[in-house]
Amino acid sequence: MSGGAGLSTHVLDTARGRPAQGIRVELHGVTGPLREKFAEAITNADGRTDAPLIERGRLVAGTYELTFHVGAYYAEFPTASTPPFLDVVTLRFTVADAGAHYHVPLVMTPWSYSTYRGS
């Protein structure tokens, strides 16, 4: 593998107005029906993983899945939706330019989520 600026993520809990600490995040590479686990991490107090999920220079073009285990996080904070409405959020996305940095955040509440390609 060559080039690449890496892949990172963070999780923001907009219902509570803060970063989401303690969310398990998994990264898989996807090729057709096959999924290969590349990384797993837990978000820190800033809602980020302590290290990029794919380090600089190791990112390659292809399809990836980020899986966020948000149900356990929201189970800690009872809401009108108990058990939590969301359990596991999976984002499938494509890396076209392996020389660019891909930052894929999750912005969530107990009832909804959104994402975007950040910088």
N, C-alpha and C. Protein backbone atom coordinates (compact mmCIF):
# COMPACT_ATOMS: atom_id res chain seq x y z
N MET A 1 0.84 -1.17 0.00
CA MET A 1 0.00 0.00 0.00
C MET A 1 0.89 1.24 0.00
N SER A 2 0.43 2.26 -0.69
CA SER A 2 1.23 3.47 -0.72
C SER A 2 0.35 4.69 -0.70
N GLY A 3 0.94 5.85 -0.44
CA GLY A 3 0.20 7.11 -0.43
C GLY A 3 -0.77 7.17 0.71
N GLY A 4 -1.78 8.00 0.56
CA GLY A 4 -2.85 8.05 1.54
C GLY A 4 -2.55 8.93 2.74
N ALA A 5 -3.56 9.64 3.16
CA ALA A 5 -3.42 10.49 4.32
C ALA A 5 -4.18 9.94 5.52
N GLY A 6 -4.79 8.79 5.39
CA GLY A 6 -5.43 8.15 6.52
C GLY A 6 -6.93 8.36 6.61
N LEU A 7 -7.51 7.72 7.65
CA LEU A 7 -8.94 7.78 7.88
C LEU A 7 -9.18 7.94 9.37
N SER A 8 -10.03 8.89 9.72
CA SER A 8 -10.35 9.14 11.12
C SER A 8 -11.85 9.36 11.28
N THR A 9 -12.29 9.35 12.54
CA THR A 9 -13.70 9.57 12.84
C THR A 9 -13.84 10.23 14.19
N HIS A 10 -15.01 10.75 14.46
CA HIS A 10 -15.39 11.13 15.82
C HIS A 10 -16.90 11.09 15.90
N VAL A 11 -17.40 11.08 17.14
CA VAL A 11 -18.84 10.95 17.37
C VAL A 11 -19.29 12.11 18.26
N LEU A 12 -20.32 12.81 17.79
CA LEU A 12 -20.90 13.92 18.54
C LEU A 12 -22.34 13.58 18.92
N ASP A 13 -22.65 13.74 20.19
CA ASP A 13 -23.99 13.50 20.72
C ASP A 13 -24.69 14.86 20.81
N THR A 14 -25.47 15.20 19.80
CA THR A 14 -26.09 16.52 19.78
C THR A 14 -27.26 16.62 20.76
N ALA A 15 -27.84 15.51 21.17
CA ALA A 15 -28.91 15.54 22.17
C ALA A 15 -28.37 15.98 23.53
N ARG A 16 -27.16 15.60 23.83
CA ARG A 16 -26.54 15.95 25.10
C ARG A 16 -25.57 17.11 24.96
N GLY A 17 -25.32 17.54 23.73
CA GLY A 17 -24.46 18.68 23.50
C GLY A 17 -23.00 18.45 23.84
N ARG A 18 -22.50 17.26 23.50
CA ARG A 18 -21.11 16.92 23.84
C ARG A 18 -20.59 15.78 22.97
N PRO A 19 -19.26 15.61 22.98
CA PRO A 19 -18.70 14.44 22.30
C PRO A 19 -19.20 13.17 22.99
N ALA A 20 -19.28 12.09 22.24
CA ALA A 20 -19.75 10.81 22.78
C ALA A 20 -18.55 9.93 23.14
N GLN A 21 -18.32 9.79 24.42
CA GLN A 21 -17.20 8.97 24.91
C GLN A 21 -17.67 7.54 25.15
N GLY A 22 -16.80 6.58 24.81
CA GLY A 22 -17.06 5.18 25.12
C GLY A 22 -17.81 4.41 24.04
N ILE A 23 -17.86 4.93 22.83
CA ILE A 23 -18.55 4.22 21.73
C ILE A 23 -17.54 3.31 21.03
N ARG A 24 -17.92 2.05 20.89
CA ARG A 24 -17.08 1.11 20.15
C ARG A 24 -17.29 1.36 18.66
N VAL A 25 -16.18 1.49 17.95
CA VAL A 25 -16.19 1.75 16.51
C VAL A 25 -15.38 0.65 15.82
N GLU A 26 -15.94 0.09 14.77
CA GLU A 26 -15.24 -0.90 13.96
C GLU A 26 -15.10 -0.39 12.54
N LEU A 27 -13.98 -0.69 11.92
CA LEU A 27 -13.76 -0.36 10.51
C LEU A 27 -13.52 -1.64 9.74
N HIS A 28 -14.30 -1.82 8.66
CA HIS A 28 -14.14 -2.97 7.78
C HIS A 28 -13.88 -2.48 6.36
N GLY A 29 -13.09 -3.23 5.64
CA GLY A 29 -12.98 -3.07 4.20
C GLY A 29 -14.00 -3.99 3.56
N VAL A 30 -14.62 -3.54 2.48
CA VAL A 30 -15.68 -4.32 1.84
C VAL A 30 -15.30 -4.58 0.39
N THR A 31 -15.30 -5.85 0.01
CA THR A 31 -15.06 -6.26 -1.37
C THR A 31 -16.16 -7.24 -1.74
N GLY A 32 -17.12 -6.77 -2.53
CA GLY A 32 -18.27 -7.63 -2.86
C GLY A 32 -18.97 -8.04 -1.59
N PRO A 33 -19.21 -9.34 -1.39
CA PRO A 33 -19.90 -9.79 -0.19
C PRO A 33 -18.96 -9.95 1.02
N LEU A 34 -17.67 -9.77 0.81
CA LEU A 34 -16.69 -10.00 1.88
C LEU A 34 -16.41 -8.73 2.67
N ARG A 35 -16.26 -8.88 4.00
CA ARG A 35 -15.88 -7.78 4.89
C ARG A 35 -14.64 -8.21 5.67
N GLU A 36 -13.65 -7.34 5.71
CA GLU A 36 -12.41 -7.61 6.44
C GLU A 36 -12.22 -6.53 7.50
N LYS A 37 -12.11 -6.95 8.76
CA LYS A 37 -11.94 -5.97 9.84
C LYS A 37 -10.53 -5.41 9.80
N PHE A 38 -10.45 -4.06 9.75
CA PHE A 38 -9.16 -3.37 9.73
C PHE A 38 -8.82 -2.77 11.09
N ALA A 39 -9.83 -2.34 11.84
CA ALA A 39 -9.55 -1.67 13.11
C ALA A 39 -10.77 -1.71 14.01
N GLU A 40 -10.52 -1.56 15.30
CA GLU A 40 -11.56 -1.40 16.29
C GLU A 40 -11.02 -0.47 17.36
N ALA A 41 -11.85 0.45 17.84
CA ALA A 41 -11.41 1.41 18.84
C ALA A 41 -12.60 1.86 19.67
N ILE A 42 -12.31 2.54 20.76
CA ILE A 42 -13.32 3.14 21.62
C ILE A 42 -13.09 4.65 21.61
N THR A 43 -14.18 5.41 21.49
CA THR A 43 -14.02 6.87 21.47
C THR A 43 -13.61 7.39 22.84
N ASN A 44 -12.77 8.42 22.83
CA ASN A 44 -12.27 9.01 24.07
C ASN A 44 -13.16 10.18 24.51
N ALA A 45 -12.71 10.95 25.49
CA ALA A 45 -13.51 12.05 26.05
C ALA A 45 -13.83 13.12 25.01
N ASP A 46 -13.04 13.19 23.94
CA ASP A 46 -13.28 14.15 22.86
C ASP A 46 -14.16 13.54 21.76
N GLY A 47 -14.63 12.30 21.96
CA GLY A 47 -15.46 11.62 20.97
C GLY A 47 -14.67 11.06 19.80
N ARG A 48 -13.35 11.11 19.89
CA ARG A 48 -12.47 10.63 18.81
C ARG A 48 -11.77 9.34 19.23
N THR A 49 -11.25 8.65 18.26
CA THR A 49 -10.39 7.50 18.59
C THR A 49 -9.00 8.05 18.88
N ASP A 50 -8.25 7.36 19.73
CA ASP A 50 -6.93 7.85 20.13
C ASP A 50 -5.94 7.91 18.97
N ALA A 51 -6.17 7.11 17.96
CA ALA A 51 -5.31 7.09 16.76
C ALA A 51 -6.22 6.98 15.54
N PRO A 52 -5.72 7.39 14.37
CA PRO A 52 -6.53 7.20 13.16
C PRO A 52 -6.88 5.72 12.99
N LEU A 53 -8.01 5.45 12.39
CA LEU A 53 -8.40 4.06 12.13
C LEU A 53 -7.53 3.45 11.03
N ILE A 54 -7.10 4.27 10.10
CA ILE A 54 -6.08 3.87 9.13
C ILE A 54 -5.03 4.97 9.14
N GLU A 55 -3.81 4.60 9.42
CA GLU A 55 -2.71 5.55 9.52
C GLU A 55 -2.36 6.15 8.17
N ARG A 56 -1.75 7.32 8.22
CA ARG A 56 -1.24 7.99 7.03
C ARG A 56 -0.38 7.01 6.22
N GLY A 57 -0.62 6.99 4.91
CA GLY A 57 0.16 6.14 4.02
C GLY A 57 -0.38 4.74 3.84
N ARG A 58 -1.43 4.36 4.59
CA ARG A 58 -1.96 3.00 4.48
C ARG A 58 -3.35 2.94 3.86
N LEU A 59 -3.95 4.10 3.62
CA LEU A 59 -5.29 4.14 3.04
C LEU A 59 -5.21 3.81 1.55
N VAL A 60 -6.11 2.95 1.10
CA VAL A 60 -6.20 2.61 -0.32
C VAL A 60 -7.63 2.87 -0.80
N ALA A 61 -7.77 3.10 -2.08
CA ALA A 61 -9.10 3.30 -2.65
C ALA A 61 -9.93 2.04 -2.46
N GLY A 62 -11.22 2.23 -2.22
CA GLY A 62 -12.11 1.09 -2.05
C GLY A 62 -13.31 1.45 -1.21
N THR A 63 -14.07 0.43 -0.86
CA THR A 63 -15.28 0.59 -0.08
C THR A 63 -15.01 0.18 1.36
N TYR A 64 -15.53 0.98 2.28
CA TYR A 64 -15.32 0.75 3.71
C TYR A 64 -16.64 0.85 4.45
N GLU A 65 -16.69 0.25 5.63
CA GLU A 65 -17.81 0.39 6.54
C GLU A 65 -17.30 0.79 7.92
N LEU A 66 -17.88 1.83 8.45
CA LEU A 66 -17.68 2.21 9.85
C LEU A 66 -18.92 1.78 10.61
N THR A 67 -18.73 1.03 11.68
CA THR A 67 -19.84 0.57 12.50
C THR A 67 -19.71 1.18 13.89
N PHE A 68 -20.73 1.89 14.31
CA PHE A 68 -20.76 2.56 15.61
C PHE A 68 -21.78 1.85 16.50
N HIS A 69 -21.35 1.38 17.64
CA HIS A 69 -22.24 0.68 18.57
C HIS A 69 -22.81 1.70 19.56
N VAL A 70 -23.89 2.36 19.14
CA VAL A 70 -24.44 3.48 19.90
C VAL A 70 -25.48 3.05 20.93
N GLY A 71 -26.07 1.89 20.78
CA GLY A 71 -27.12 1.43 21.71
C GLY A 71 -26.61 1.34 23.13
N ALA A 72 -25.43 0.79 23.33
CA ALA A 72 -24.87 0.66 24.68
C ALA A 72 -24.60 2.03 25.29
N TYR A 73 -24.18 2.98 24.46
CA TYR A 73 -23.93 4.35 24.93
C TYR A 73 -25.24 4.98 25.42
N TYR A 74 -26.28 4.93 24.60
CA TYR A 74 -27.54 5.55 24.99
C TYR A 74 -28.27 4.79 26.09
N ALA A 75 -27.98 3.53 26.28
CA ALA A 75 -28.57 2.78 27.39
C ALA A 75 -28.14 3.37 28.73
N GLU A 76 -27.00 4.04 28.75
CA GLU A 76 -26.48 4.68 29.97
C GLU A 76 -27.25 5.95 30.32
N PHE A 77 -27.97 6.53 29.34
CA PHE A 77 -28.67 7.80 29.53
C PHE A 77 -30.14 7.60 29.17
N PRO A 78 -30.95 7.19 30.11
CA PRO A 78 -32.36 6.92 29.80
C PRO A 78 -33.05 8.12 29.15
N THR A 79 -33.86 7.81 28.14
CA THR A 79 -34.61 8.82 27.41
C THR A 79 -36.04 8.33 27.25
N ALA A 80 -36.81 9.04 26.50
CA ALA A 80 -38.17 8.60 26.19
C ALA A 80 -38.14 7.34 25.34
N SER A 81 -36.98 7.04 24.76
CA SER A 81 -36.82 5.86 23.91
C SER A 81 -35.93 4.85 24.63
N THR A 82 -36.51 4.12 25.59
CA THR A 82 -35.74 3.11 26.32
C THR A 82 -36.41 1.78 26.09
N PRO A 83 -35.80 0.77 25.53
CA PRO A 83 -34.41 0.80 25.08
C PRO A 83 -34.21 1.79 23.94
N PRO A 84 -32.94 2.17 23.72
CA PRO A 84 -32.67 3.17 22.67
C PRO A 84 -33.19 2.73 21.30
N PHE A 85 -33.68 3.70 20.55
CA PHE A 85 -34.16 3.44 19.20
C PHE A 85 -33.03 2.94 18.31
N LEU A 86 -31.87 3.61 18.35
CA LEU A 86 -30.71 3.20 17.55
C LEU A 86 -29.84 2.23 18.35
N ASP A 87 -29.35 1.21 17.69
CA ASP A 87 -28.46 0.25 18.33
C ASP A 87 -27.09 0.27 17.67
N VAL A 88 -27.04 -0.10 16.40
CA VAL A 88 -25.79 -0.13 15.64
C VAL A 88 -26.00 0.71 14.39
N VAL A 89 -25.10 1.66 14.17
CA VAL A 89 -25.15 2.52 12.98
C VAL A 89 -23.98 2.14 12.09
N THR A 90 -24.28 1.73 10.86
CA THR A 90 -23.25 1.36 9.91
C THR A 90 -23.25 2.33 8.75
N LEU A 91 -22.09 2.89 8.47
CA LEU A 91 -21.91 3.82 7.35
C LEU A 91 -21.02 3.15 6.32
N ARG A 92 -21.53 2.98 5.11
CA ARG A 92 -20.72 2.44 4.01
C ARG A 92 -20.37 3.59 3.09
N PHE A 93 -19.10 3.73 2.78
CA PHE A 93 -18.63 4.84 1.96
C PHE A 93 -17.47 4.38 1.09
N THR A 94 -17.16 5.21 0.10
CA THR A 94 -16.11 4.88 -0.86
C THR A 94 -14.97 5.88 -0.77
N VAL A 95 -13.77 5.37 -0.71
CA VAL A 95 -12.56 6.18 -0.81
C VAL A 95 -12.13 6.14 -2.26
N ALA A 96 -12.20 7.29 -2.92
CA ALA A 96 -11.80 7.38 -4.32
C ALA A 96 -10.36 7.87 -4.47
N ASP A 97 -9.95 8.76 -3.57
CA ASP A 97 -8.63 9.38 -3.64
C ASP A 97 -7.82 8.97 -2.42
N ALA A 98 -7.02 7.94 -2.55
CA ALA A 98 -6.24 7.42 -1.43
C ALA A 98 -5.19 8.41 -0.94
N GLY A 99 -4.92 9.45 -1.71
CA GLY A 99 -3.96 10.46 -1.29
C GLY A 99 -4.57 11.53 -0.40
N ALA A 100 -5.88 11.51 -0.24
CA ALA A 100 -6.58 12.51 0.58
C ALA A 100 -6.86 11.93 1.97
N HIS A 101 -7.08 12.83 2.92
CA HIS A 101 -7.49 12.38 4.24
C HIS A 101 -9.02 12.26 4.25
N TYR A 102 -9.53 11.19 4.83
CA TYR A 102 -10.96 10.98 4.97
C TYR A 102 -11.29 11.00 6.47
N HIS A 103 -12.13 11.97 6.83
CA HIS A 103 -12.62 12.08 8.20
C HIS A 103 -14.13 11.89 8.11
N VAL A 104 -14.65 10.86 8.78
CA VAL A 104 -16.06 10.50 8.66
C VAL A 104 -16.69 10.53 10.05
N PRO A 105 -17.26 11.68 10.44
CA PRO A 105 -17.88 11.79 11.75
C PRO A 105 -19.31 11.25 11.77
N LEU A 106 -19.76 10.93 12.97
CA LEU A 106 -21.15 10.56 13.21
C LEU A 106 -21.72 11.61 14.16
N VAL A 107 -22.80 12.25 13.75
CA VAL A 107 -23.52 13.22 14.57
C VAL A 107 -24.84 12.55 14.91
N MET A 108 -25.14 12.39 16.21
CA MET A 108 -26.27 11.54 16.56
C MET A 108 -27.08 12.08 17.73
N THR A 109 -28.29 11.54 17.82
CA THR A 109 -29.18 11.67 18.97
C THR A 109 -29.67 10.25 19.23
N PRO A 110 -30.46 10.02 20.28
CA PRO A 110 -30.99 8.66 20.48
C PRO A 110 -31.93 8.21 19.37
N TRP A 111 -32.41 9.17 18.52
CA TRP A 111 -33.43 8.85 17.53
C TRP A 111 -32.99 9.04 16.09
N SER A 112 -31.81 9.65 15.87
CA SER A 112 -31.40 9.95 14.51
C SER A 112 -29.89 10.11 14.43
N TYR A 113 -29.39 10.14 13.18
CA TYR A 113 -27.97 10.40 12.99
C TYR A 113 -27.75 11.00 11.62
N SER A 114 -26.58 11.62 11.46
CA SER A 114 -26.15 12.09 10.16
C SER A 114 -24.64 11.97 10.10
N THR A 115 -24.11 12.10 8.91
CA THR A 115 -22.67 12.00 8.71
C THR A 115 -22.29 12.92 7.55
N TYR A 116 -21.02 13.10 7.38
CA TYR A 116 -20.52 13.91 6.28
C TYR A 116 -19.04 13.57 6.12
N ARG A 117 -18.48 13.99 5.01
CA ARG A 117 -17.04 13.85 4.83
C ARG A 117 -16.40 15.12 5.34
N GLY A 118 -15.72 15.01 6.45
CA GLY A 118 -15.06 16.16 7.06
C GLY A 118 -13.64 16.31 6.58
N SER A 119 -12.93 17.20 7.23
CA SER A 119 -11.53 17.46 6.84
C SER A 119 -10.59 17.00 7.93
